[in-house]
Amino acid sequence: KSPQSERPSTITMSTTKFAKPQRHFSIALLEEHSFVIGLTVRLILMYALPRLMDDGLLLQGVRYTDIDYDVFTDAAEHIAHGRSPYARHTYRYTPFLAKFLALPLDHKLDGNGFSFQSSLLSTKYFGKFLFCIADAICGYIIALLRRRQRASSSSDTQQPSQTQQPLQK
């Protein structure tokens, strides 16, 4: 008899399972939570870089904060004091933006004595925080639209159109 005929007729499966090769954990984490991770990094940099650069701790004479942000915050101070934001001679934006950025100035002290000036949401950071959030939301919308566009273009290439006629010779 050959060695193959001496094998039992039933085949038993091994208890060890071979998993499909999976991507590295950190890559999967980045893809699943890219919005939150990106926003967190952006907010940390929004807080740290102006402290290092605007205050001259890292590089003397190099500012991180754009001059337009100073224009925004000056206009917000004008609004908080009941003046027109256009009293700031270079302010050329909507008054709604100045009013929105003046929210911490309008609420300097609440009934419990809490001061926005001592918090992270002081006038120095409030607008930067809002701009970071708005920028992240815009990025999320763009990514969502791109995913939808890719999905629709891949489904278009997979299914031929019913209106197309085959070419005749």
C-alpha atoms as a PDB file:
ATOM      1  CA  LYS A   1       0.000   0.000   0.000  1.00  0.00           C
ATOM      2  CA  SER A   2       1.109   3.531  -0.643  1.00  0.00           C
ATOM      3  CA  PRO A   3       1.528   5.982   2.268  1.00  0.00           C
ATOM      4  CA  GLN A   4      -1.388   8.042   0.979  1.00  0.00           C
ATOM      5  CA  SER A   5      -3.854   5.181   1.302  1.00  0.00           C
ATOM      6  CA  GLU A   6      -2.911   4.714   4.974  1.00  0.00           C
ATOM      7  CA  ARG A   7      -4.212   8.179   5.877  1.00  0.00           C
ATOM      8  CA  PRO A   8      -7.573   8.351   7.551  1.00  0.00           C
ATOM      9  CA  SER A   9     -10.520   9.164   5.324  1.00  0.00           C
ATOM     10  CA  THR A  10     -11.559  12.216   7.367  1.00  0.00           C
ATOM     11  CA  ILE A  11      -9.517  15.375   7.243  1.00  0.00           C
ATOM     12  CA  THR A  12      -9.221  17.381  10.411  1.00  0.00           C
ATOM     13  CA  MET A  13      -8.552  21.097  10.329  1.00  0.00           C
ATOM     14  CA  SER A  14      -5.804  22.609  12.371  1.00  0.00           C
ATOM     15  CA  THR A  15      -6.897  24.724  15.304  1.00  0.00           C
ATOM     16  CA  THR A  16      -4.492  27.489  14.390  1.00  0.00           C
ATOM     17  CA  LYS A  17      -6.078  30.204  12.326  1.00  0.00           C
ATOM     18  CA  PHE A  18      -4.207  32.254   9.829  1.00  0.00           C
ATOM     19  CA  ALA A  19      -5.409  35.827   9.928  1.00  0.00           C
ATOM     20  CA  LYS A  20      -5.288  38.038   6.914  1.00  0.00           C
ATOM     21  CA  PRO A  21      -2.379  40.422   7.042  1.00  0.00           C
ATOM     22  CA  GLN A  22      -3.649  43.562   8.714  1.00  0.00           C
ATOM     23  CA  ARG A  23      -2.382  47.066   8.452  1.00  0.00           C
ATOM     24  CA  HIS A  24      -0.375  48.510  11.246  1.00  0.00           C
ATOM     25  CA  PHE A  25      -2.525  49.702  14.179  1.00  0.00           C
ATOM     26  CA  SER A  26      -1.365  53.325  14.025  1.00  0.00           C
ATOM     27  CA  ILE A  27      -2.238  53.669  10.329  1.00  0.00           C
ATOM     28  CA  ALA A  28      -5.737  52.298  10.939  1.00  0.00           C
ATOM     29  CA  LEU A  29      -6.131  54.656  13.909  1.00  0.00           C
ATOM     30  CA  LEU A  30      -5.092  57.633  11.788  1.00  0.00           C
ATOM     31  CA  GLU A  31      -7.524  56.738   9.022  1.00  0.00           C
ATOM     32  CA  GLU A  32     -10.456  56.170  11.374  1.00  0.00           C
ATOM     33  CA  HIS A  33      -9.905  59.264  13.528  1.00  0.00           C
ATOM     34  CA  SER A  34      -8.112  61.628  11.173  1.00  0.00           C
ATOM     35  CA  PHE A  35     -10.515  64.512  11.803  1.00  0.00           C
ATOM     36  CA  VAL A  36     -10.169  64.395  15.590  1.00  0.00           C
ATOM     37  CA  ILE A  37      -6.412  63.852  15.491  1.00  0.00           C
ATOM     38  CA  GLY A  38      -5.920  66.647  12.957  1.00  0.00           C
ATOM     39  CA  LEU A  39      -8.058  69.065  14.945  1.00  0.00           C
ATOM     40  CA  THR A  40      -6.234  68.196  18.165  1.00  0.00           C
ATOM     41  CA  VAL A  41      -2.817  68.789  16.602  1.00  0.00           C
ATOM     42  CA  ARG A  42      -4.052  72.031  15.081  1.00  0.00           C
ATOM     43  CA  LEU A  43      -5.395  73.289  18.426  1.00  0.00           C
ATOM     44  CA  ILE A  44      -2.170  72.394  20.235  1.00  0.00           C
ATOM     45  CA  LEU A  45      -0.133  74.242  17.618  1.00  0.00           C
ATOM     46  CA  MET A  46      -2.581  77.151  17.748  1.00  0.00           C
ATOM     47  CA  TYR A  47      -1.834  77.524  21.435  1.00  0.00           C
ATOM     48  CA  ALA A  48       1.897  76.707  21.452  1.00  0.00           C
ATOM     49  CA  LEU A  49       3.334  78.395  18.361  1.00  0.00           C
ATOM     50  CA  PRO A  50       2.133  81.935  19.113  1.00  0.00           C
ATOM     51  CA  ARG A  51       3.565  81.611  22.625  1.00  0.00           C
ATOM     52  CA  LEU A  52       6.926  80.530  21.245  1.00  0.00           C
ATOM     53  CA  MET A  53       7.159  82.877  18.275  1.00  0.00           C
ATOM     54  CA  ASP A  54       5.023  85.946  19.019  1.00  0.00           C
ATOM     55  CA  ASP A  55       6.549  86.332  22.475  1.00  0.00           C
ATOM     56  CA  GLY A  56      10.044  85.932  21.031  1.00  0.00           C
ATOM     57  CA  LEU A  57      10.967  82.740  22.898  1.00  0.00           C
ATOM     58  CA  LEU A  58      11.899  80.753  19.795  1.00  0.00           C
ATOM     59  CA  LEU A  59      12.864  83.334  17.169  1.00  0.00           C
ATOM     60  CA  GLN A  60      13.312  87.014  17.864  1.00  0.00           C
ATOM     61  CA  GLY A  61      11.427  89.282  15.470  1.00  0.00           C
ATOM     62  CA  VAL A  62       9.440  86.509  13.720  1.00  0.00           C
ATOM     63  CA  ARG A  63       5.719  86.464  14.376  1.00  0.00           C
ATOM     64  CA  TYR A  64       3.509  83.443  13.904  1.00  0.00           C
ATOM     65  CA  THR A  65       0.237  85.369  14.133  1.00  0.00           C
ATOM     66  CA  ASP A  66      -0.724  87.197  10.956  1.00  0.00           C
ATOM     67  CA  ILE A  67      -1.300  90.940  11.117  1.00  0.00           C
ATOM     68  CA  ASP A  68      -4.906  90.436   9.964  1.00  0.00           C
ATOM     69  CA  TYR A  69      -5.659  88.666  13.232  1.00  0.00           C
ATOM     70  CA  ASP A  70      -4.616  91.824  15.090  1.00  0.00           C
ATOM     71  CA  VAL A  71      -7.000  93.758  12.852  1.00  0.00           C
ATOM     72  CA  PHE A  72      -9.815  91.307  13.733  1.00  0.00           C
ATOM     73  CA  THR A  73      -9.217  91.564  17.478  1.00  0.00           C
ATOM     74  CA  ASP A  74      -8.924  95.364  17.378  1.00  0.00           C
ATOM     75  CA  ALA A  75     -12.262  95.547  15.554  1.00  0.00           C
ATOM     76  CA  ALA A  76     -13.749  93.217  18.187  1.00  0.00           C
ATOM     77  CA  GLU A  77     -12.588  95.618  20.903  1.00  0.00           C
ATOM     78  CA  HIS A  78     -14.244  98.496  19.036  1.00  0.00           C
ATOM     79  CA  ILE A  79     -17.509  96.517  18.903  1.00  0.00           C
ATOM     80  CA  ALA A  80     -17.290  95.659  22.616  1.00  0.00           C
ATOM     81  CA  HIS A  81     -16.954  99.358  23.449  1.00  0.00           C
ATOM     82  CA  GLY A  82     -19.935 100.303  21.272  1.00  0.00           C
ATOM     83  CA  ARG A  83     -17.947 101.723  18.374  1.00  0.00           C
ATOM     84  CA  SER A  84     -17.931 100.725  14.728  1.00  0.00           C
ATOM     85  CA  PRO A  85     -15.406  98.042  13.721  1.00  0.00           C
ATOM     86  CA  TYR A  86     -14.540 100.305  10.813  1.00  0.00           C
ATOM     87  CA  ALA A  87     -12.993 102.739  13.296  1.00  0.00           C
ATOM     88  CA  ARG A  88      -9.985 100.408  12.929  1.00  0.00           C
ATOM     89  CA  HIS A  89      -8.568 102.001   9.801  1.00  0.00           C
ATOM     90  CA  THR A  90      -7.607  98.740   8.032  1.00  0.00           C
ATOM     91  CA  TYR A  91     -10.735  96.733   8.921  1.00  0.00           C
ATOM     92  CA  ARG A  92     -12.444  95.719   5.661  1.00  0.00           C
ATOM     93  CA  TYR A  93     -14.419  92.666   6.751  1.00  0.00           C
ATOM     94  CA  THR A  94     -17.986  91.960   7.770  1.00  0.00           C
ATOM     95  CA  PRO A  95     -19.119  93.508  11.082  1.00  0.00           C
ATOM     96  CA  PHE A  96     -20.525  90.077  11.992  1.00  0.00           C
ATOM     97  CA  LEU A  97     -16.968  88.729  12.305  1.00  0.00           C
ATOM     98  CA  ALA A  98     -15.988  91.534  14.675  1.00  0.00           C
ATOM     99  CA  LYS A  99     -19.147  90.995  16.754  1.00  0.00           C
ATOM    100  CA  PHE A 100     -18.508  87.253  16.883  1.00  0.00           C
ATOM    101  CA  LEU A 101     -14.914  87.750  18.003  1.00  0.00           C
ATOM    102  CA  ALA A 102     -16.089  90.224  20.651  1.00  0.00           C
ATOM    103  CA  LEU A 103     -18.024  87.543  22.565  1.00  0.00           C
ATOM    104  CA  PRO A 104     -15.317  87.091  25.235  1.00  0.00           C
ATOM    105  CA  LEU A 105     -15.096  90.873  25.656  1.00  0.00           C
ATOM    106  CA  ASP A 106     -18.853  91.111  26.131  1.00  0.00           C
ATOM    107  CA  HIS A 107     -18.675  88.516  28.916  1.00  0.00           C
ATOM    108  CA  LYS A 108     -15.517  89.414  30.807  1.00  0.00           C
ATOM    109  CA  LEU A 109     -17.045  88.587  34.176  1.00  0.00           C
ATOM    110  CA  ASP A 110     -20.051  86.454  34.863  1.00  0.00           C
ATOM    111  CA  GLY A 111     -21.959  86.279  38.160  1.00  0.00           C
ATOM    112  CA  ASN A 112     -19.423  83.897  39.710  1.00  0.00           C
ATOM    113  CA  GLY A 113     -16.461  86.169  38.995  1.00  0.00           C
ATOM    114  CA  PHE A 114     -15.090  83.947  36.221  1.00  0.00           C
ATOM    115  CA  SER A 115     -12.993  85.907  33.780  1.00  0.00           C
ATOM    116  CA  PHE A 116     -12.573  84.959  30.139  1.00  0.00           C
ATOM    117  CA  GLN A 117      -9.384  86.993  30.125  1.00  0.00           C
ATOM    118  CA  SER A 118      -7.665  84.391  32.294  1.00  0.00           C
ATOM    119  CA  SER A 119      -8.923  81.421  30.286  1.00  0.00           C
ATOM    120  CA  LEU A 120      -7.807  79.796  27.068  1.00  0.00           C
ATOM    121  CA  LEU A 121     -10.723  81.485  25.338  1.00  0.00           C
ATOM    122  CA  SER A 122      -9.408  84.969  25.977  1.00  0.00           C
ATOM    123  CA  THR A 123      -9.514  87.436  23.123  1.00  0.00           C
ATOM    124  CA  LYS A 124      -5.960  86.416  22.267  1.00  0.00           C
ATOM    125  CA  TYR A 125      -7.033  82.827  21.483  1.00  0.00           C
ATOM    126  CA  PHE A 126     -10.806  82.935  20.984  1.00  0.00           C
ATOM    127  CA  GLY A 127     -10.687  83.882  17.301  1.00  0.00           C
ATOM    128  CA  LYS A 128      -7.841  81.467  16.592  1.00  0.00           C
ATOM    129  CA  PHE A 129      -9.894  78.711  18.202  1.00  0.00           C
ATOM    130  CA  LEU A 130     -12.931  79.588  16.069  1.00  0.00           C
ATOM    131  CA  PHE A 131     -10.849  79.761  12.892  1.00  0.00           C
ATOM    132  CA  CYS A 132      -9.288  76.349  13.630  1.00  0.00           C
ATOM    133  CA  ILE A 133     -12.705  74.786  14.174  1.00  0.00           C
ATOM    134  CA  ALA A 134     -14.100  76.376  10.988  1.00  0.00           C
ATOM    135  CA  ASP A 135     -11.042  75.273   9.002  1.00  0.00           C
ATOM    136  CA  ALA A 136     -11.350  71.700  10.280  1.00  0.00           C
ATOM    137  CA  ILE A 137     -15.055  71.596   9.403  1.00  0.00           C
ATOM    138  CA  CYS A 138     -14.276  72.853   5.885  1.00  0.00           C
ATOM    139  CA  GLY A 139     -11.605  70.155   5.538  1.00  0.00           C
ATOM    140  CA  TYR A 140     -14.065  67.501   6.707  1.00  0.00           C
ATOM    141  CA  ILE A 141     -16.673  68.663   4.177  1.00  0.00           C
ATOM    142  CA  ILE A 142     -14.079  68.602   1.380  1.00  0.00           C
ATOM    143  CA  ALA A 143     -12.980  65.075   2.349  1.00  0.00           C
ATOM    144  CA  LEU A 144     -16.605  63.923   2.496  1.00  0.00           C
ATOM    145  CA  LEU A 145     -17.354  65.370  -0.950  1.00  0.00           C
ATOM    146  CA  ARG A 146     -14.208  63.773  -2.404  1.00  0.00           C
ATOM    147  CA  ARG A 147     -15.198  60.372  -0.992  1.00  0.00           C
ATOM    148  CA  ARG A 148     -18.650  60.690  -2.540  1.00  0.00           C
ATOM    149  CA  GLN A 149     -17.125  61.769  -5.859  1.00  0.00           C
ATOM    150  CA  ARG A 150     -14.739  58.810  -5.860  1.00  0.00           C
ATOM    151  CA  ALA A 151     -17.538  56.407  -4.970  1.00  0.00           C
ATOM    152  CA  SER A 152     -19.774  57.677  -7.745  1.00  0.00           C
ATOM    153  CA  SER A 153     -16.968  57.660 -10.313  1.00  0.00           C
ATOM    154  CA  SER A 154     -15.955  54.112  -9.383  1.00  0.00           C
ATOM    155  CA  SER A 155     -19.570  52.930  -9.676  1.00  0.00           C
ATOM    156  CA  ASP A 156     -19.836  54.687 -13.064  1.00  0.00           C
ATOM    157  CA  THR A 157     -16.791  52.851 -14.411  1.00  0.00           C
ATOM    158  CA  GLN A 158     -17.965  49.489 -13.090  1.00  0.00           C
ATOM    159  CA  GLN A 159     -21.451  49.632 -14.622  1.00  0.00           C
ATOM    160  CA  PRO A 160     -21.741  50.536 -18.299  1.00  0.00           C
ATOM    161  CA  SER A 161     -24.393  53.039 -19.126  1.00  0.00           C
ATOM    162  CA  GLN A 162     -27.626  51.640 -20.535  1.00  0.00           C
ATOM    163  CA  THR A 163     -27.806  54.436 -23.089  1.00  0.00           C
ATOM    164  CA  GLN A 164     -24.543  53.410 -24.749  1.00  0.00           C
ATOM    165  CA  GLN A 165     -24.968  51.330 -27.883  1.00  0.00           C
ATOM    166  CA  PRO A 166     -22.358  48.788 -28.947  1.00  0.00           C
ATOM    167  CA  LEU A 167     -20.281  49.798 -31.920  1.00  0.00           C
ATOM    168  CA  GLN A 168     -21.257  48.140 -35.161  1.00  0.00           C
ATOM    169  CA  LYS A 169     -18.792  47.252 -37.887  1.00  0.00           C
END
